[in-house]
Amino acid sequence: MTEDEIRAMPHSEYMNEAQQRFFRALLLSLRGEVLERERDIRERLNDSGTIADPGDRALIEESRWLDLRLRDREAKLREKIDASLRDIRRGDYGWCEISGEPIGIARLLARPTATTCADVKTDAETRERIFHAPG
């Protein structure tokens, strides 16, 4: 199935077997990309040479710091992908973990690891802005 075919399906067929297969394949593809990026980061982090120039050392250290942040970010994304794949196996994928409502095809295509529908996400962001507003 293509993305256009998934979008064209009627709401009554939400998260049918074809859609679940589509999103499983999408998530597995994303997982492969993440694993490849993690491998690249690991290789860069393991590539340690002796740098005499303090300026070069500073650049290398900054680059390593950025790679460490990227590594953590990729690991978190992989965990979310794995959780989404588990949800597909359980039949929970595509349903808001808070409200139980459909997350929606458009939202899942934009963010395949989404666990909440747009309304719940908007409410949470609004509450966060209110409680964390400066002043």
Protein backbone atom coordinates (compact mmCIF):
# COMPACT_ATOMS: atom_id res chain seq x y z
CA MET A 1 0.00 0.00 0.00
CA THR A 2 1.07 3.55 -0.65
CA GLU A 3 0.70 6.57 1.57
CA ASP A 4 -1.98 7.93 -0.78
CA GLU A 5 -3.95 4.67 -0.57
CA ILE A 6 -3.72 4.76 3.22
CA ARG A 7 -4.97 8.36 3.27
CA ALA A 8 -7.85 7.51 0.92
CA MET A 9 -9.25 4.73 3.11
CA PRO A 10 -12.55 5.47 4.83
CA HIS A 11 -12.51 6.27 8.54
CA SER A 12 -14.51 3.09 9.19
CA GLU A 13 -11.43 1.07 8.15
CA TYR A 14 -9.11 2.85 10.59
CA MET A 15 -6.20 0.64 11.68
CA ASN A 16 -7.32 -2.30 9.61
CA GLU A 17 -4.82 -5.03 8.73
CA ALA A 18 -3.52 -3.20 5.64
CA GLN A 19 -2.87 -0.01 7.60
CA GLN A 20 -1.16 -1.95 10.37
CA ARG A 21 1.11 -3.65 7.79
CA PHE A 22 1.88 -0.26 6.21
CA PHE A 23 2.85 1.34 9.52
CA ARG A 24 4.80 -1.74 10.63
CA ALA A 25 6.87 -1.54 7.42
CA LEU A 26 7.31 2.21 7.89
CA LEU A 27 8.45 1.78 11.49
CA LEU A 28 10.84 -1.05 10.58
CA SER A 29 12.35 1.15 7.87
CA LEU A 30 12.75 4.02 10.34
CA ARG A 31 14.31 1.63 12.85
CA GLY A 32 16.86 0.53 10.25
CA GLU A 33 17.77 4.17 9.57
CA VAL A 34 18.16 4.84 13.29
CA LEU A 35 20.38 1.77 13.74
CA GLU A 36 22.57 2.93 10.86
CA ARG A 37 22.91 6.41 12.36
CA GLU A 38 23.70 4.89 15.77
CA ARG A 39 26.42 2.75 14.16
CA ASP A 40 27.92 5.83 12.46
CA ILE A 41 27.91 7.75 15.75
CA ARG A 42 29.50 4.82 17.59
CA GLU A 43 32.27 4.66 14.98
CA ARG A 44 32.95 8.40 15.31
CA LEU A 45 33.05 8.14 19.10
CA ASN A 46 35.45 5.17 18.94
CA ASP A 47 37.72 6.96 16.49
CA SER A 48 40.07 8.51 19.02
CA GLY A 49 43.37 9.85 17.85
CA THR A 50 45.99 11.95 19.57
CA ILE A 51 45.53 15.63 18.79
CA ALA A 52 48.34 17.94 19.87
CA ASP A 53 46.85 21.31 18.95
CA PRO A 54 44.60 22.65 21.76
CA GLY A 55 42.30 24.31 19.22
CA ASP A 56 41.84 21.05 17.35
CA ARG A 57 41.29 19.23 20.65
CA ALA A 58 38.54 21.69 21.57
CA LEU A 59 36.81 21.11 18.24
CA ILE A 60 37.08 17.34 18.66
CA GLU A 61 35.65 17.52 22.19
CA GLU A 62 32.73 19.65 21.02
CA SER A 63 32.09 17.21 18.20
CA ARG A 64 32.17 14.28 20.66
CA TRP A 65 29.73 16.11 22.95
CA LEU A 66 27.35 16.61 20.01
CA ASP A 67 27.72 12.95 19.03
CA LEU A 68 26.88 11.89 22.59
CA ARG A 69 23.72 13.99 22.47
CA LEU A 70 22.83 12.55 19.07
CA ARG A 71 23.44 9.03 20.36
CA ASP A 72 21.01 9.61 23.23
CA ARG A 73 18.43 11.12 20.90
CA GLU A 74 18.67 8.20 18.47
CA ALA A 75 18.39 5.68 21.32
CA LYS A 76 15.21 7.38 22.56
CA LEU A 77 13.76 7.36 19.04
CA ARG A 78 14.60 3.65 18.67
CA GLU A 79 12.82 2.95 21.98
CA LYS A 80 9.73 4.82 20.73
CA ILE A 81 9.81 2.89 17.47
CA ASP A 82 10.10 -0.41 19.38
CA ALA A 83 7.16 0.61 21.58
CA SER A 84 5.09 1.42 18.48
CA LEU A 85 5.94 -1.97 16.97
CA ARG A 86 4.82 -3.63 20.24
CA ASP A 87 1.59 -1.62 20.07
CA ILE A 88 0.96 -2.93 16.55
CA ARG A 89 1.43 -6.52 17.77
CA ARG A 90 -1.02 -5.87 20.64
CA GLY A 91 -3.55 -4.06 18.45
CA ASP A 92 -3.11 -0.77 20.33
CA TYR A 93 -1.26 1.17 17.62
CA GLY A 94 -3.01 4.24 16.29
CA TRP A 95 -5.19 4.76 19.35
CA CYS A 96 -4.60 7.59 21.82
CA GLU A 97 -3.18 6.21 25.06
CA ILE A 98 -5.07 8.90 27.03
CA SER A 99 -8.48 9.25 25.37
CA GLY A 100 -8.73 6.00 23.43
CA GLU A 101 -9.66 7.99 20.31
CA PRO A 102 -7.98 7.44 16.93
CA ILE A 103 -4.68 9.30 16.61
CA GLY A 104 -5.40 9.74 12.91
CA ILE A 105 -3.65 8.68 9.74
CA ALA A 106 -2.29 12.15 8.95
CA ARG A 107 -0.71 12.47 12.41
CA LEU A 108 0.76 8.96 12.25
CA LEU A 109 2.21 9.61 8.80
CA ALA A 110 3.83 12.79 10.14
CA ARG A 111 4.94 11.15 13.40
CA PRO A 112 4.67 7.34 13.30
CA THR A 113 5.60 7.03 16.98
CA ALA A 114 2.79 9.32 18.19
CA THR A 115 0.92 7.90 21.17
CA THR A 116 -1.66 10.65 21.65
CA CYS A 117 -4.23 12.24 19.37
CA ALA A 118 -3.85 15.87 18.34
CA ASP A 119 -6.47 17.11 20.83
CA VAL A 120 -4.76 15.49 23.82
CA LYS A 121 -1.33 16.71 22.64
CA THR A 122 -2.65 20.26 22.20
CA ASP A 123 -4.20 20.22 25.69
CA ALA A 124 -0.92 18.99 27.20
CA GLU A 125 1.09 21.68 25.40
CA THR A 126 -1.37 24.37 26.53
CA ARG A 127 -1.10 23.22 30.17
CA GLU A 128 2.69 23.18 29.90
CA ARG A 129 2.74 26.75 28.57
CA ILE A 130 0.43 27.93 31.34
CA PHE A 131 2.36 26.25 34.17
CA HIS A 132 5.80 27.06 32.80
CA ALA A 133 5.10 30.61 31.65
CA PRO A 134 7.69 33.16 32.78
CA GLY A 135 6.68 35.67 35.38
